[in-house]
C-alpha atoms as a PDB file:
ATOM      1  CA  MET A   1     120.686-177.155  87.337  1.00  0.00           C
ATOM      2  CA  CYS A   2     122.858-178.927  89.893  1.00  0.00           C
ATOM      3  CA  ARG A   3     121.717-181.915  91.872  1.00  0.00           C
ATOM      4  CA  SER A   4     121.712-180.063  95.204  1.00  0.00           C
ATOM      5  CA  THR A   5     119.361-177.420  93.795  1.00  0.00           C
ATOM      6  CA  VAL A   6     117.001-180.063  92.404  1.00  0.00           C
ATOM      7  CA  ARG A   7     117.051-181.841  95.749  1.00  0.00           C
ATOM      8  CA  ARG A   8     116.117-178.615  97.552  1.00  0.00           C
ATOM      9  CA  ILE A   9     113.225-177.991  95.169  1.00  0.00           C
ATOM     10  CA  VAL A  10     111.881-181.534  95.650  1.00  0.00           C
ATOM     11  CA  ILE A  11     112.093-181.194  99.427  1.00  0.00           C
ATOM     12  CA  LEU A  12     110.304-177.835  99.329  1.00  0.00           C
ATOM     13  CA  VAL A  13     107.517-179.250  97.151  1.00  0.00           C
ATOM     14  CA  LEU A  14     107.077-182.248  99.434  1.00  0.00           C
ATOM     15  CA  CYS A  15     106.944-180.018 102.541  1.00  0.00           C
ATOM     16  CA  ALA A  16     104.395-177.732 100.921  1.00  0.00           C
ATOM     17  CA  THR A  17     102.259-180.727  99.885  1.00  0.00           C
ATOM     18  CA  LEU A  18     102.329-182.213 103.388  1.00  0.00           C
ATOM     19  CA  SER A  19     101.519-178.875 105.006  1.00  0.00           C
ATOM     20  CA  TRP A  20      98.581-178.343 102.667  1.00  0.00           C
ATOM     21  CA  SER A  21      97.100-181.797 103.252  1.00  0.00           C
ATOM     22  CA  ALA A  22      97.453-181.411 107.015  1.00  0.00           C
ATOM     23  CA  GLY A  23      95.824-178.010 106.945  1.00  0.00           C
ATOM     24  CA  CYS A  24      92.904-178.986 104.740  1.00  0.00           C
ATOM     25  CA  ASP A  25      90.931-180.089 107.790  1.00  0.00           C
ATOM     26  CA  LEU A  26      90.823-176.480 108.869  1.00  0.00           C
ATOM     27  CA  PHE A  27      88.441-175.720 106.022  1.00  0.00           C
ATOM     28  CA  LYS A  28      86.127-178.671 106.500  1.00  0.00           C
ATOM     29  CA  THR A  29      82.636-177.940 107.764  1.00  0.00           C
ATOM     30  CA  ARG A  30      82.185-179.118 111.359  1.00  0.00           C
ATOM     31  CA  ASP A  31      79.006-180.509 112.811  1.00  0.00           C
ATOM     32  CA  PRO A  32      77.247-177.898 114.926  1.00  0.00           C
ATOM     33  CA  GLU A  33      77.811-178.282 118.639  1.00  0.00           C
ATOM     34  CA  SER A  34      74.939-178.898 120.971  1.00  0.00           C
ATOM     35  CA  PRO A  35      74.063-175.790 122.983  1.00  0.00           C
ATOM     36  CA  SER A  36      75.695-175.932 126.410  1.00  0.00           C
ATOM     37  CA  GLN A  37      73.411-173.340 127.958  1.00  0.00           C
ATOM     38  CA  VAL A  38      69.670-173.020 128.267  1.00  0.00           C
ATOM     39  CA  SER A  39      67.862-170.270 126.450  1.00  0.00           C
ATOM     40  CA  SER A  40      67.945-166.886 128.122  1.00  0.00           C
ATOM     41  CA  THR A  41      65.456-164.059 127.734  1.00  0.00           C
ATOM     42  CA  PHE A  42      66.075-161.567 130.514  1.00  0.00           C
ATOM     43  CA  VAL A  43      65.256-157.882 130.318  1.00  0.00           C
ATOM     44  CA  PRO A  44      66.961-155.648 132.913  1.00  0.00           C
ATOM     45  CA  PRO A  45      63.997-154.842 135.210  1.00  0.00           C
ATOM     46  CA  VAL A  46      64.372-151.080 135.408  1.00  0.00           C
ATOM     47  CA  VAL A  47      60.559-150.942 135.425  1.00  0.00           C
ATOM     48  CA  ASP A  48      58.650-152.883 138.103  1.00  0.00           C
ATOM     49  CA  SER A  49      56.352-154.765 135.704  1.00  0.00           C
ATOM     50  CA  LEU A  50      59.339-156.285 133.876  1.00  0.00           C
ATOM     51  CA  VAL A  51      59.893-158.595 136.855  1.00  0.00           C
ATOM     52  CA  PHE A  52      56.789-160.544 135.835  1.00  0.00           C
ATOM     53  CA  THR A  53      57.845-160.631 132.200  1.00  0.00           C
ATOM     54  CA  ASN A  54      61.170-162.114 133.285  1.00  0.00           C
ATOM     55  CA  MET A  55      59.448-164.682 135.514  1.00  0.00           C
ATOM     56  CA  THR A  56      57.249-165.822 132.649  1.00  0.00           C
ATOM     57  CA  ASN A  57      60.233-166.068 130.308  1.00  0.00           C
ATOM     58  CA  ALA A  58      62.345-167.908 132.891  1.00  0.00           C
ATOM     59  CA  PHE A  59      59.766-170.686 133.158  1.00  0.00           C
ATOM     60  CA  ARG A  60      59.333-170.895 129.403  1.00  0.00           C
ATOM     61  CA  ASP A  61      63.122-171.032 128.931  1.00  0.00           C
ATOM     62  CA  LEU A  62      63.557-173.382 131.936  1.00  0.00           C
ATOM     63  CA  ASN A  63      66.195-170.952 133.171  1.00  0.00           C
ATOM     64  CA  SER A  64      66.694-171.194 136.945  1.00  0.00           C
ATOM     65  CA  ASP A  65      69.275-168.411 136.996  1.00  0.00           C
ATOM     66  CA  ASN A  66      66.930-165.878 135.447  1.00  0.00           C
ATOM     67  CA  TYR A  67      64.135-166.989 137.759  1.00  0.00           C
ATOM     68  CA  LEU A  68      66.309-166.311 140.800  1.00  0.00           C
ATOM     69  CA  ARG A  69      67.252-162.898 139.425  1.00  0.00           C
ATOM     70  CA  CYS A  70      63.595-161.928 139.928  1.00  0.00           C
ATOM     71  CA  LEU A  71      63.882-162.538 143.687  1.00  0.00           C
ATOM     72  CA  ALA A  72      65.603-160.288 146.228  1.00  0.00           C
ATOM     73  CA  ASP A  73      69.142-161.334 147.079  1.00  0.00           C
ATOM     74  CA  SER A  74      70.433-160.169 150.473  1.00  0.00           C
ATOM     75  CA  SER A  75      73.861-159.538 148.944  1.00  0.00           C
ATOM     76  CA  THR A  76      72.465-156.925 146.546  1.00  0.00           C
ATOM     77  CA  ALA A  77      69.255-155.789 148.250  1.00  0.00           C
ATOM     78  CA  ALA A  78      68.407-154.319 151.619  1.00  0.00           C
ATOM     79  CA  GLN A  79      66.052-157.196 152.437  1.00  0.00           C
ATOM     80  CA  SER A  80      66.021-160.935 151.904  1.00  0.00           C
ATOM     81  CA  PHE A  81      63.425-162.785 149.852  1.00  0.00           C
ATOM     82  CA  GLN A  82      60.461-164.241 151.731  1.00  0.00           C
ATOM     83  CA  PHE A  83      57.786-166.657 150.516  1.00  0.00           C
ATOM     84  CA  ASP A  84      54.515-167.152 152.414  1.00  0.00           C
ATOM     85  CA  PRO A  85      52.676-170.305 151.261  1.00  0.00           C
ATOM     86  CA  THR A  86      48.935-170.830 151.481  1.00  0.00           C
ATOM     87  CA  ALA A  87      47.651-171.886 154.893  1.00  0.00           C
ATOM     88  CA  SER A  88      46.867-175.417 153.713  1.00  0.00           C
ATOM     89  CA  ALA A  89      50.259-175.908 152.028  1.00  0.00           C
ATOM     90  CA  LYS A  90      52.064-174.521 155.068  1.00  0.00           C
ATOM     91  CA  GLN A  91      50.356-177.168 157.166  1.00  0.00           C
ATOM     92  CA  GLN A  92      50.840-180.039 154.706  1.00  0.00           C
ATOM     93  CA  TYR A  93      54.499-179.231 153.947  1.00  0.00           C
ATOM     94  CA  ALA A  94      55.445-177.776 157.322  1.00  0.00           C
ATOM     95  CA  ALA A  95      58.986-179.191 157.357  1.00  0.00           C
ATOM     96  CA  ILE A  96      59.721-177.855 153.875  1.00  0.00           C
ATOM     97  CA  PHE A  97      58.379-174.352 154.279  1.00  0.00           C
ATOM     98  CA  SER A  98      59.829-173.848 157.757  1.00  0.00           C
ATOM     99  CA  GLY A  99      63.259-173.448 156.161  1.00  0.00           C
ATOM    100  CA  TRP A 100      62.237-171.964 152.817  1.00  0.00           C
ATOM    101  CA  VAL A 101      64.775-169.440 151.495  1.00  0.00           C
ATOM    102  CA  ARG A 102      65.745-167.960 148.140  1.00  0.00           C
ATOM    103  CA  SER A 103      67.877-170.981 147.167  1.00  0.00           C
ATOM    104  CA  SER A 104      64.846-173.228 147.810  1.00  0.00           C
ATOM    105  CA  GLU A 105      63.229-171.566 144.808  1.00  0.00           C
ATOM    106  CA  ARG A 106      66.020-172.840 142.559  1.00  0.00           C
ATOM    107  CA  GLN A 107      65.844-176.336 144.021  1.00  0.00           C
ATOM    108  CA  TYR A 108      62.140-176.814 143.427  1.00  0.00           C
ATOM    109  CA  LEU A 109      62.359-175.418 139.896  1.00  0.00           C
ATOM    110  CA  ASP A 110      65.306-177.665 139.034  1.00  0.00           C
ATOM    111  CA  ARG A 111      63.400-180.691 140.319  1.00  0.00           C
ATOM    112  CA  MET A 112      60.368-179.710 138.282  1.00  0.00           C
ATOM    113  CA  LYS A 113      62.545-179.387 135.198  1.00  0.00           C
ATOM    114  CA  SER A 114      64.016-182.868 135.719  1.00  0.00           C
ATOM    115  CA  SER A 115      60.519-184.361 135.880  1.00  0.00           C
ATOM    116  CA  LEU A 116      59.236-182.836 132.633  1.00  0.00           C
ATOM    117  CA  GLN A 117      58.130-184.904 129.682  1.00  0.00           C
ATOM    118  CA  ASN A 118      60.641-184.897 126.830  1.00  0.00           C
ATOM    119  CA  GLY A 119      60.542-181.712 124.792  1.00  0.00           C
ATOM    120  CA  SER A 120      58.030-179.972 127.050  1.00  0.00           C
ATOM    121  CA  THR A 121      58.320-176.734 128.971  1.00  0.00           C
ATOM    122  CA  ILE A 122      56.616-174.931 131.853  1.00  0.00           C
ATOM    123  CA  THR A 123      54.009-172.291 131.135  1.00  0.00           C
ATOM    124  CA  LEU A 124      53.325-169.448 133.568  1.00  0.00           C
ATOM    125  CA  THR A 125      50.387-167.174 132.815  1.00  0.00           C
ATOM    126  CA  PHE A 126      49.341-164.198 134.902  1.00  0.00           C
ATOM    127  CA  LEU A 127      45.611-164.097 134.250  1.00  0.00           C
ATOM    128  CA  THR A 128      45.373-160.758 136.043  1.00  0.00           C
ATOM    129  CA  LEU A 129      48.170-158.507 137.228  1.00  0.00           C
ATOM    130  CA  GLN A 130      47.330-155.266 138.974  1.00  0.00           C
ATOM    131  CA  ARG A 131      49.622-152.779 140.644  1.00  0.00           C
ATOM    132  CA  GLN A 132      48.200-151.866 144.037  1.00  0.00           C
ATOM    133  CA  SER A 133      50.741-149.211 144.984  1.00  0.00           C
ATOM    134  CA  ILE A 134      53.980-147.689 143.729  1.00  0.00           C
ATOM    135  CA  GLN A 135      56.772-145.714 145.405  1.00  0.00           C
ATOM    136  CA  PRO A 136      60.205-144.741 144.027  1.00  0.00           C
ATOM    137  CA  ASP A 137      61.757-147.864 145.573  1.00  0.00           C
ATOM    138  CA  SER A 138      58.833-150.206 146.292  1.00  0.00           C
ATOM    139  CA  ALA A 139      55.652-151.523 144.714  1.00  0.00           C
ATOM    140  CA  GLN A 140      52.862-153.972 145.449  1.00  0.00           C
ATOM    141  CA  TYR A 141      51.028-156.177 142.950  1.00  0.00           C
ATOM    142  CA  GLU A 142      48.021-158.468 143.123  1.00  0.00           C
ATOM    143  CA  ALA A 143      47.812-161.309 140.592  1.00  0.00           C
ATOM    144  CA  THR A 144      45.938-164.430 139.645  1.00  0.00           C
ATOM    145  CA  TYR A 145      48.028-167.104 137.959  1.00  0.00           C
ATOM    146  CA  LEU A 146      47.987-170.374 136.080  1.00  0.00           C
ATOM    147  CA  LEU A 147      51.117-172.534 136.208  1.00  0.00           C
ATOM    148  CA  THR A 148      51.199-175.548 133.882  1.00  0.00           C
ATOM    149  CA  VAL A 149      53.909-178.159 134.442  1.00  0.00           C
ATOM    150  CA  PRO A 150      53.738-181.203 132.095  1.00  0.00           C
ATOM    151  CA  HIS A 151      55.641-183.473 134.483  1.00  0.00           C
ATOM    152  CA  THR A 152      55.622-187.266 134.604  1.00  0.00           C
ATOM    153  CA  LEU A 153      54.273-187.738 138.149  1.00  0.00           C
ATOM    154  CA  SER A 154      50.866-189.358 137.851  1.00  0.00           C
ATOM    155  CA  SER A 155      49.783-188.503 141.398  1.00  0.00           C
ATOM    156  CA  VAL A 156      50.482-184.765 141.131  1.00  0.00           C
ATOM    157  CA  PRO A 157      48.288-182.252 139.267  1.00  0.00           C
ATOM    158  CA  LYS A 158      49.965-180.654 136.282  1.00  0.00           C
ATOM    159  CA  THR A 159      48.279-177.290 136.764  1.00  0.00           C
ATOM    160  CA  ALA A 160      48.439-174.920 139.719  1.00  0.00           C
ATOM    161  CA  GLN A 161      46.185-171.927 140.084  1.00  0.00           C
ATOM    162  CA  GLY A 162      45.633-169.278 142.699  1.00  0.00           C
ATOM    163  CA  ARG A 163      46.144-165.699 143.724  1.00  0.00           C
ATOM    164  CA  ALA A 164      49.322-163.973 144.845  1.00  0.00           C
ATOM    165  CA  GLN A 165      50.541-160.740 146.352  1.00  0.00           C
ATOM    166  CA  PHE A 166      53.991-159.535 145.333  1.00  0.00           C
ATOM    167  CA  PHE A 167      55.943-156.889 147.239  1.00  0.00           C
ATOM    168  CA  LEU A 168      58.769-155.449 145.139  1.00  0.00           C
ATOM    169  CA  ILE A 169      61.775-153.315 146.013  1.00  0.00           C
ATOM    170  CA  VAL A 170      64.664-151.767 144.094  1.00  0.00           C
ATOM    171  CA  ASP A 171      68.073-153.351 144.732  1.00  0.00           C
ATOM    172  CA  ARG A 172      71.498-151.681 144.650  1.00  0.00           C
ATOM    173  CA  SER A 173      71.723-152.164 140.888  1.00  0.00           C
ATOM    174  CA  ARG A 174      68.493-150.156 140.573  1.00  0.00           C
ATOM    175  CA  TYR A 175      66.664-153.273 139.406  1.00  0.00           C
ATOM    176  CA  TRP A 176      63.246-154.271 140.677  1.00  0.00           C
ATOM    177  CA  VAL A 177      63.046-157.603 142.545  1.00  0.00           C
ATOM    178  CA  ILE A 178      60.451-159.469 144.585  1.00  0.00           C
ATOM    179  CA  ARG A 179      61.075-159.056 148.301  1.00  0.00           C
ATOM    180  CA  ARG A 180      57.982-160.872 149.568  1.00  0.00           C
ATOM    181  CA  TRP A 181      55.584-163.253 147.843  1.00  0.00           C
ATOM    182  CA  VAL A 182      52.307-164.241 149.488  1.00  0.00           C
ATOM    183  CA  ASP A 183      50.443-167.142 147.892  1.00  0.00           C
ATOM    184  CA  LEU A 184      46.670-167.432 148.345  1.00  0.00           C
ATOM    185  CA  SER A 185      44.102-169.947 147.181  1.00  0.00           C
ATOM    186  CA  ILE A 186      41.000-168.858 145.288  1.00  0.00           C
ATOM    187  CA  ASN A 187      38.980-171.986 146.061  1.00  0.00           C
ATOM    188  CA  GLN A 188      39.516-174.234 149.056  1.00  0.00           C
ATOM    189  CA  ASN A 189      40.462-177.361 147.102  1.00  0.00           C
ATOM    190  CA  ASP A 190      42.650-175.693 144.475  1.00  0.00           C
ATOM    191  CA  PHE A 191      46.137-177.042 143.836  1.00  0.00           C
ATOM    192  CA  THR A 192      48.188-173.863 144.204  1.00  0.00           C
ATOM    193  CA  TRP A 193      51.714-172.716 143.435  1.00  0.00           C
ATOM    194  CA  SER A 194      52.526-173.422 147.092  1.00  0.00           C
ATOM    195  CA  ASP A 195      51.466-177.035 146.590  1.00  0.00           C
ATOM    196  CA  MET A 196      53.676-177.266 143.522  1.00  0.00           C
ATOM    197  CA  LYS A 197      56.611-175.880 145.500  1.00  0.00           C
ATOM    198  CA  GLY A 198      55.892-178.216 148.408  1.00  0.00           C
ATOM    199  CA  THR A 199      55.754-181.241 146.081  1.00  0.00           C
ATOM    200  CA  PHE A 200      59.008-180.536 144.277  1.00  0.00           C
ATOM    201  CA  GLY A 201      60.783-178.865 147.185  1.00  0.00           C
ATOM    202  CA  GLN A 202      61.222-182.122 149.102  1.00  0.00           C
END
């Protein structure tokens, strides 16, 4: 075998060895990446009651996007979302609720999330949920609720309770959404959902 042939073989072997060692990293097990998105459990609300399932899941998952998807958006629905706080909260947080819109719902939830104790989550429970009326494109519900927020603010109650009326409509995607939400207190001194929104909405 001539020298030039031997030289070619040696060069080929060296190149193959270098390529293999460089490519070995491709087969190494990588550390799992941290999830970049929050958990998402959203069921397309083709049935009116699924709106409340999605609300409950959105709080449990701490998912602001899914929470907002439960509320009427003027770009996809015939009417804009409206929230009516309790009379006492409206008076106490007058400046906040005077300009309350759909995006305010995201802001207060995001602020609640940032105040949570490490590893904790928000729990929303509808103690009662009754449909008062139903039409092909609208529905009305009456509910009592318990909202538990394990935040770190010592001066703010961690539980809100009260009664609410929800007026639902069907948007252009044929999904049910909340058009109007009326919050009501059961007892005069109760800390309600409106109070929670007023606290974290500022």
